[in-house]
Amino acid sequence: MKIHTDDRRCAWLEMFAVELPGHQLNITQVWPGAILGWHRHEHQDDRMVVIEGVIKVGMWYPNHEAEVVWHVLTPREPRELLIVRGCWHGYQNIGTDVATVVTMVNQPYDPTDELRLDPDTVTHPTLQWNRKAR
């Protein structure tokens, strides 16, 4: 198991020593107001479920549509959100408590597969996170 902690979250990655065939389970606790901003993967697909708190997820395909598609995930209305490879995406804890996100990915985390944009460098009005100071 790998643990990654920063000022946005605490993530437990590659939770089990035995991988599910072609998949990996990750759990992330996201601090209130924190943004895990725009990034995309070339080979990884994410399947996301929120089991605690409220998460706003943005999905953006710059070549297909000019605007972000926003989703709000909560355990009160549980659902899986599929984020396919190539889609710019990110999420923010918009609740007042820690949010817990369970993510099933189709491969172990590979930092070379992730491209990032700074949340503040995207200036299109529909791509704003309404960032709060932490």
N, C-alpha and C. Protein backbone atom coordinates (compact mmCIF):
# COMPACT_ATOMS: atom_id res chain seq x y z
N MET A 1 0.85 -1.17 0.00
CA MET A 1 0.00 0.00 0.00
C MET A 1 0.89 1.24 0.00
N LYS A 2 0.48 2.24 -0.78
CA LYS A 2 1.17 3.52 -0.81
C LYS A 2 0.25 4.57 -0.21
N ILE A 3 0.82 5.47 0.58
CA ILE A 3 0.03 6.55 1.17
C ILE A 3 0.64 7.87 0.70
N HIS A 4 -0.24 8.75 0.19
CA HIS A 4 0.19 10.07 -0.26
C HIS A 4 -0.65 11.11 0.47
N THR A 5 0.02 12.02 1.16
CA THR A 5 -0.68 13.07 1.90
C THR A 5 -0.10 14.42 1.51
N ASP A 6 -0.99 15.39 1.28
CA ASP A 6 -0.57 16.77 1.07
C ASP A 6 -1.63 17.68 1.65
N ASP A 7 -1.61 18.97 1.30
CA ASP A 7 -2.56 19.91 1.90
C ASP A 7 -3.97 19.79 1.35
N ARG A 8 -4.18 18.86 0.39
CA ARG A 8 -5.50 18.67 -0.20
C ARG A 8 -6.18 17.40 0.27
N ARG A 9 -5.38 16.38 0.60
CA ARG A 9 -5.97 15.06 0.78
C ARG A 9 -4.99 14.09 1.44
N CYS A 10 -5.55 12.93 1.79
CA CYS A 10 -4.76 11.76 2.17
C CYS A 10 -5.28 10.62 1.31
N ALA A 11 -4.39 9.97 0.57
CA ALA A 11 -4.81 8.92 -0.36
C ALA A 11 -4.12 7.61 -0.02
N TRP A 12 -4.91 6.55 0.03
CA TRP A 12 -4.39 5.20 0.18
C TRP A 12 -4.47 4.56 -1.20
N LEU A 13 -3.30 4.33 -1.81
CA LEU A 13 -3.24 3.85 -3.18
C LEU A 13 -2.80 2.39 -3.21
N GLU A 14 -3.25 1.69 -4.22
CA GLU A 14 -2.90 0.27 -4.37
C GLU A 14 -3.17 -0.46 -3.06
N MET A 15 -4.44 -0.42 -2.64
CA MET A 15 -4.87 -0.85 -1.32
C MET A 15 -4.52 -2.29 -0.97
N PHE A 16 -4.54 -3.17 -1.92
CA PHE A 16 -4.35 -4.58 -1.61
C PHE A 16 -3.13 -5.13 -2.34
N ALA A 17 -2.40 -5.98 -1.68
CA ALA A 17 -1.19 -6.56 -2.27
C ALA A 17 -1.52 -7.36 -3.52
N VAL A 18 -2.68 -8.00 -3.53
CA VAL A 18 -3.10 -8.75 -4.70
C VAL A 18 -4.00 -7.84 -5.52
N GLU A 19 -3.57 -7.52 -6.71
CA GLU A 19 -4.37 -6.66 -7.58
C GLU A 19 -5.58 -7.41 -8.10
N LEU A 20 -6.66 -6.71 -8.26
CA LEU A 20 -7.78 -7.25 -9.01
C LEU A 20 -7.31 -7.30 -10.45
N PRO A 21 -7.72 -8.28 -11.22
CA PRO A 21 -7.18 -8.39 -12.59
C PRO A 21 -7.34 -7.09 -13.37
N GLY A 22 -6.21 -6.45 -13.65
CA GLY A 22 -6.21 -5.23 -14.46
C GLY A 22 -6.76 -4.01 -13.76
N HIS A 23 -6.97 -4.05 -12.45
CA HIS A 23 -7.56 -2.92 -11.74
C HIS A 23 -6.85 -2.67 -10.41
N GLN A 24 -7.11 -1.51 -9.85
CA GLN A 24 -6.56 -1.15 -8.56
C GLN A 24 -7.59 -0.31 -7.81
N LEU A 25 -7.65 -0.49 -6.49
CA LEU A 25 -8.60 0.23 -5.65
C LEU A 25 -7.85 1.30 -4.86
N ASN A 26 -8.37 2.53 -4.88
CA ASN A 26 -7.78 3.65 -4.15
C ASN A 26 -8.86 4.32 -3.32
N ILE A 27 -8.48 4.80 -2.13
CA ILE A 27 -9.39 5.56 -1.27
C ILE A 27 -8.71 6.89 -0.97
N THR A 28 -9.46 7.98 -1.15
CA THR A 28 -8.92 9.31 -0.92
C THR A 28 -9.85 10.09 0.00
N GLN A 29 -9.29 10.68 1.07
CA GLN A 29 -10.03 11.62 1.89
C GLN A 29 -9.61 13.01 1.45
N VAL A 30 -10.61 13.83 1.10
CA VAL A 30 -10.36 15.17 0.57
C VAL A 30 -10.81 16.19 1.61
N TRP A 31 -9.91 17.08 1.95
CA TRP A 31 -10.22 18.09 2.97
C TRP A 31 -11.24 19.11 2.44
N PRO A 32 -12.07 19.69 3.31
CA PRO A 32 -13.07 20.66 2.87
C PRO A 32 -12.45 21.81 2.07
N GLY A 33 -13.04 22.11 0.92
CA GLY A 33 -12.57 23.18 0.05
C GLY A 33 -11.43 22.80 -0.87
N ALA A 34 -10.80 21.67 -0.63
CA ALA A 34 -9.63 21.28 -1.42
C ALA A 34 -10.02 20.92 -2.85
N ILE A 35 -9.11 21.24 -3.78
CA ILE A 35 -9.31 20.98 -5.20
C ILE A 35 -8.20 20.06 -5.69
N LEU A 36 -8.57 18.99 -6.33
CA LEU A 36 -7.62 18.15 -7.06
C LEU A 36 -7.91 18.44 -8.51
N GLY A 37 -7.24 19.47 -9.00
CA GLY A 37 -7.62 20.13 -10.24
C GLY A 37 -7.27 19.38 -11.51
N TRP A 38 -7.33 20.07 -12.55
CA TRP A 38 -7.35 19.51 -13.89
C TRP A 38 -6.15 18.61 -14.17
N HIS A 39 -6.46 17.37 -14.51
CA HIS A 39 -5.47 16.41 -14.95
C HIS A 39 -6.15 15.40 -15.87
N ARG A 40 -5.35 14.65 -16.62
CA ARG A 40 -5.90 13.60 -17.46
C ARG A 40 -4.87 12.49 -17.58
N HIS A 41 -5.36 11.35 -17.99
CA HIS A 41 -4.52 10.16 -18.16
C HIS A 41 -4.61 9.70 -19.61
N GLU A 42 -3.51 9.19 -20.12
CA GLU A 42 -3.49 8.63 -21.47
C GLU A 42 -4.00 7.20 -21.50
N HIS A 43 -3.81 6.46 -20.40
CA HIS A 43 -4.14 5.02 -20.40
C HIS A 43 -5.07 4.61 -19.27
N GLN A 44 -5.27 5.46 -18.31
CA GLN A 44 -6.05 5.09 -17.12
C GLN A 44 -7.49 5.57 -17.21
N ASP A 45 -8.41 4.68 -16.87
CA ASP A 45 -9.82 5.01 -16.69
C ASP A 45 -10.11 4.99 -15.19
N ASP A 46 -10.93 5.93 -14.70
CA ASP A 46 -11.29 6.01 -13.28
C ASP A 46 -12.78 5.73 -13.14
N ARG A 47 -13.13 4.94 -12.14
CA ARG A 47 -14.52 4.74 -11.73
C ARG A 47 -14.60 5.23 -10.29
N MET A 48 -15.43 6.25 -10.05
CA MET A 48 -15.41 6.97 -8.79
C MET A 48 -16.77 6.87 -8.10
N VAL A 49 -16.74 6.67 -6.77
CA VAL A 49 -17.93 6.69 -5.92
C VAL A 49 -17.57 7.47 -4.65
N VAL A 50 -18.48 8.33 -4.20
CA VAL A 50 -18.27 9.07 -2.96
C VAL A 50 -19.07 8.36 -1.87
N ILE A 51 -18.37 8.03 -0.75
CA ILE A 51 -19.05 7.34 0.34
C ILE A 51 -19.22 8.21 1.58
N GLU A 52 -18.64 9.42 1.53
CA GLU A 52 -18.78 10.36 2.64
C GLU A 52 -18.53 11.77 2.10
N GLY A 53 -19.38 12.72 2.47
CA GLY A 53 -19.18 14.10 2.05
C GLY A 53 -19.81 14.43 0.71
N VAL A 54 -19.39 15.57 0.14
CA VAL A 54 -19.94 16.06 -1.12
C VAL A 54 -18.78 16.48 -2.02
N ILE A 55 -18.72 15.91 -3.20
CA ILE A 55 -17.66 16.19 -4.16
C ILE A 55 -18.28 16.75 -5.45
N LYS A 56 -17.69 17.84 -5.97
CA LYS A 56 -18.05 18.36 -7.28
C LYS A 56 -16.96 17.91 -8.26
N VAL A 57 -17.37 17.19 -9.30
CA VAL A 57 -16.43 16.66 -10.29
C VAL A 57 -16.64 17.39 -11.61
N GLY A 58 -15.56 17.86 -12.20
CA GLY A 58 -15.61 18.47 -13.52
C GLY A 58 -14.98 17.56 -14.54
N MET A 59 -15.63 17.41 -15.70
CA MET A 59 -15.10 16.60 -16.80
C MET A 59 -15.09 17.48 -18.04
N TRP A 60 -13.96 17.52 -18.74
CA TRP A 60 -13.76 18.47 -19.82
C TRP A 60 -13.03 17.81 -20.97
N TYR A 61 -13.64 17.86 -22.15
CA TYR A 61 -13.03 17.36 -23.38
C TYR A 61 -12.81 18.56 -24.30
N PRO A 62 -11.65 19.21 -24.24
CA PRO A 62 -11.46 20.46 -24.99
C PRO A 62 -11.68 20.31 -26.49
N ASN A 63 -11.42 19.17 -27.05
CA ASN A 63 -11.58 19.00 -28.50
C ASN A 63 -13.02 18.72 -28.89
N HIS A 64 -13.87 18.35 -27.92
CA HIS A 64 -15.25 17.95 -28.24
C HIS A 64 -16.29 18.96 -27.81
N GLU A 65 -16.01 19.65 -26.72
CA GLU A 65 -16.98 20.62 -26.20
C GLU A 65 -16.24 21.71 -25.45
N ALA A 66 -16.76 22.89 -25.47
CA ALA A 66 -16.07 24.03 -24.87
C ALA A 66 -16.30 24.12 -23.37
N GLU A 67 -17.34 23.48 -22.86
CA GLU A 67 -17.68 23.65 -21.46
C GLU A 67 -17.48 22.36 -20.68
N VAL A 68 -17.30 22.54 -19.39
CA VAL A 68 -17.16 21.42 -18.47
C VAL A 68 -18.53 20.84 -18.18
N VAL A 69 -18.58 19.54 -18.02
CA VAL A 69 -19.77 18.87 -17.51
C VAL A 69 -19.50 18.64 -16.02
N TRP A 70 -20.35 19.21 -15.17
CA TRP A 70 -20.18 19.11 -13.72
C TRP A 70 -21.09 18.04 -13.15
N HIS A 71 -20.60 17.30 -12.17
CA HIS A 71 -21.37 16.28 -11.46
C HIS A 71 -21.16 16.51 -9.97
N VAL A 72 -22.20 16.31 -9.19
CA VAL A 72 -22.09 16.34 -7.73
C VAL A 72 -22.35 14.93 -7.23
N LEU A 73 -21.39 14.41 -6.45
CA LEU A 73 -21.49 13.05 -5.93
C LEU A 73 -21.61 13.09 -4.42
N THR A 74 -22.60 12.37 -3.88
CA THR A 74 -22.80 12.25 -2.43
C THR A 74 -23.23 10.82 -2.12
N PRO A 75 -23.06 10.38 -0.88
CA PRO A 75 -23.56 9.05 -0.52
C PRO A 75 -25.08 9.00 -0.40
N ARG A 76 -25.73 10.18 -0.32
CA ARG A 76 -27.20 10.19 -0.23
C ARG A 76 -27.85 9.76 -1.54
N GLU A 77 -27.15 10.02 -2.64
CA GLU A 77 -27.61 9.59 -3.96
C GLU A 77 -26.43 8.88 -4.62
N PRO A 78 -26.09 7.67 -4.13
CA PRO A 78 -24.87 7.02 -4.60
C PRO A 78 -24.94 6.63 -6.08
N ARG A 79 -23.83 6.89 -6.77
CA ARG A 79 -23.70 6.46 -8.15
C ARG A 79 -22.24 6.43 -8.53
N GLU A 80 -21.95 5.61 -9.50
CA GLU A 80 -20.60 5.51 -10.03
C GLU A 80 -20.43 6.51 -11.16
N LEU A 81 -19.28 7.19 -11.19
CA LEU A 81 -18.97 8.11 -12.27
C LEU A 81 -17.75 7.55 -13.01
N LEU A 82 -17.89 7.33 -14.30
CA LEU A 82 -16.79 6.84 -15.12
C LEU A 82 -16.09 8.02 -15.78
N ILE A 83 -14.78 8.09 -15.60
CA ILE A 83 -13.95 9.11 -16.23
C ILE A 83 -12.98 8.37 -17.14
N VAL A 84 -13.19 8.51 -18.44
CA VAL A 84 -12.39 7.75 -19.40
C VAL A 84 -11.08 8.45 -19.70
N ARG A 85 -10.11 7.66 -20.10
CA ARG A 85 -8.79 8.20 -20.45
C ARG A 85 -8.94 9.30 -21.49
N GLY A 86 -8.08 10.32 -21.38
CA GLY A 86 -8.13 11.46 -22.30
C GLY A 86 -9.01 12.59 -21.84
N CYS A 87 -9.88 12.36 -20.86
CA CYS A 87 -10.78 13.40 -20.34
C CYS A 87 -10.06 14.20 -19.26
N TRP A 88 -9.99 15.54 -19.45
CA TRP A 88 -9.48 16.38 -18.37
C TRP A 88 -10.51 16.35 -17.25
N HIS A 89 -10.09 16.17 -16.02
CA HIS A 89 -11.02 16.09 -14.91
C HIS A 89 -10.36 16.55 -13.63
N GLY A 90 -11.20 16.79 -12.66
CA GLY A 90 -10.74 17.17 -11.34
C GLY A 90 -11.93 17.20 -10.41
N TYR A 91 -11.66 17.36 -9.12
CA TYR A 91 -12.78 17.43 -8.20
C TYR A 91 -12.44 18.29 -7.00
N GLN A 92 -13.51 18.76 -6.37
CA GLN A 92 -13.40 19.64 -5.21
C GLN A 92 -14.37 19.17 -4.14
N ASN A 93 -13.92 19.19 -2.90
CA ASN A 93 -14.81 18.92 -1.77
C ASN A 93 -15.58 20.21 -1.52
N ILE A 94 -16.87 20.20 -1.84
CA ILE A 94 -17.69 21.40 -1.65
C ILE A 94 -18.50 21.35 -0.36
N GLY A 95 -18.26 20.30 0.44
CA GLY A 95 -18.94 20.19 1.73
C GLY A 95 -18.14 20.82 2.84
N THR A 96 -18.65 20.70 4.07
CA THR A 96 -17.99 21.28 5.23
C THR A 96 -17.17 20.25 6.00
N ASP A 97 -17.28 18.99 5.64
CA ASP A 97 -16.54 17.92 6.31
C ASP A 97 -15.63 17.21 5.31
N VAL A 98 -14.78 16.35 5.81
CA VAL A 98 -13.93 15.53 4.95
C VAL A 98 -14.81 14.69 4.03
N ALA A 99 -14.41 14.56 2.78
CA ALA A 99 -15.12 13.70 1.83
C ALA A 99 -14.24 12.48 1.55
N THR A 100 -14.88 11.32 1.40
CA THR A 100 -14.15 10.10 1.10
C THR A 100 -14.57 9.58 -0.26
N VAL A 101 -13.58 9.40 -1.13
CA VAL A 101 -13.80 8.97 -2.51
C VAL A 101 -13.14 7.61 -2.69
N VAL A 102 -13.90 6.66 -3.23
CA VAL A 102 -13.36 5.35 -3.59
C VAL A 102 -13.24 5.34 -5.11
N THR A 103 -12.04 5.01 -5.59
CA THR A 103 -11.79 5.01 -7.03
C THR A 103 -11.23 3.66 -7.45
N MET A 104 -11.83 3.07 -8.46
CA MET A 104 -11.32 1.86 -9.09
C MET A 104 -10.69 2.30 -10.41
N VAL A 105 -9.40 2.00 -10.58
CA VAL A 105 -8.70 2.36 -11.81
C VAL A 105 -8.29 1.09 -12.54
N ASN A 106 -8.10 1.20 -13.84
CA ASN A 106 -7.81 0.01 -14.64
C ASN A 106 -6.34 -0.37 -14.66
N GLN A 107 -5.51 0.36 -13.89
CA GLN A 107 -4.09 0.02 -13.82
C GLN A 107 -3.50 0.65 -12.57
N PRO A 108 -2.40 0.12 -12.04
CA PRO A 108 -1.74 0.80 -10.92
C PRO A 108 -1.31 2.20 -11.34
N TYR A 109 -1.25 3.11 -10.37
CA TYR A 109 -0.90 4.51 -10.66
C TYR A 109 0.46 4.59 -11.32
N ASP A 110 0.53 5.36 -12.39
CA ASP A 110 1.76 5.59 -13.13
C ASP A 110 1.89 7.09 -13.33
N PRO A 111 2.82 7.76 -12.61
CA PRO A 111 2.92 9.22 -12.73
C PRO A 111 3.25 9.70 -14.14
N THR A 112 3.84 8.86 -14.96
CA THR A 112 4.14 9.28 -16.34
C THR A 112 2.89 9.29 -17.21
N ASP A 113 1.79 8.73 -16.72
CA ASP A 113 0.53 8.69 -17.46
C ASP A 113 -0.37 9.89 -17.14
N GLU A 114 0.07 10.77 -16.26
CA GLU A 114 -0.77 11.87 -15.80
C GLU A 114 -0.23 13.21 -16.29
N LEU A 115 -1.09 13.97 -16.96
CA LEU A 115 -0.78 15.34 -17.37
C LEU A 115 -1.60 16.28 -16.49
N ARG A 116 -1.01 17.40 -16.08
CA ARG A 116 -1.70 18.32 -15.16
C ARG A 116 -1.76 19.74 -15.70
N LEU A 117 -2.83 20.43 -15.29
CA LEU A 117 -2.96 21.87 -15.49
C LEU A 117 -3.16 22.50 -14.11
N ASP A 118 -2.54 23.63 -13.87
CA ASP A 118 -2.78 24.35 -12.63
C ASP A 118 -4.21 24.88 -12.65
N PRO A 119 -5.00 24.65 -11.58
CA PRO A 119 -6.39 25.11 -11.59
C PRO A 119 -6.54 26.60 -11.88
N ASP A 120 -5.54 27.40 -11.52
CA ASP A 120 -5.63 28.84 -11.71
C ASP A 120 -5.22 29.30 -13.11
N THR A 121 -4.64 28.41 -13.93
CA THR A 121 -4.21 28.83 -15.27
C THR A 121 -5.33 28.73 -16.28
N VAL A 122 -6.38 28.02 -15.95
CA VAL A 122 -7.52 27.89 -16.87
C VAL A 122 -8.44 29.07 -16.63
N THR A 123 -8.63 29.91 -17.65
CA THR A 123 -9.36 31.16 -17.44
C THR A 123 -10.78 31.14 -18.00
N HIS A 124 -11.16 30.09 -18.72
CA HIS A 124 -12.52 30.03 -19.25
C HIS A 124 -13.51 30.04 -18.09
N PRO A 125 -14.57 30.87 -18.14
CA PRO A 125 -15.47 31.02 -16.98
C PRO A 125 -16.15 29.72 -16.54
N THR A 126 -16.40 28.80 -17.44
CA THR A 126 -17.08 27.57 -17.03
C THR A 126 -16.11 26.55 -16.42
N LEU A 127 -14.82 26.86 -16.41
CA LEU A 127 -13.83 25.93 -15.86
C LEU A 127 -13.33 26.35 -14.48
N GLN A 128 -13.98 27.34 -13.88
CA GLN A 128 -13.53 27.85 -12.59
C GLN A 128 -14.06 26.98 -11.46
N TRP A 129 -13.23 26.83 -10.43
CA TRP A 129 -13.57 26.00 -9.27
C TRP A 129 -14.19 26.80 -8.13
N ASN A 130 -14.20 28.13 -8.21
CA ASN A 130 -14.65 28.96 -7.10
C ASN A 130 -13.86 28.60 -5.84
N ARG A 131 -12.56 28.71 -5.99
CA ARG A 131 -11.61 28.30 -4.95
C ARG A 131 -11.82 29.09 -3.68
N LYS A 132 -11.69 28.37 -2.55
CA LYS A 132 -11.74 29.00 -1.25
C LYS A 132 -10.36 28.86 -0.60
N ALA A 133 -9.97 29.85 0.18
CA ALA A 133 -8.69 29.76 0.90
C ALA A 133 -8.78 28.66 1.94
N ARG A 134 -7.66 27.96 2.10
CA ARG A 134 -7.60 26.91 3.13
C ARG A 134 -6.61 27.31 4.20
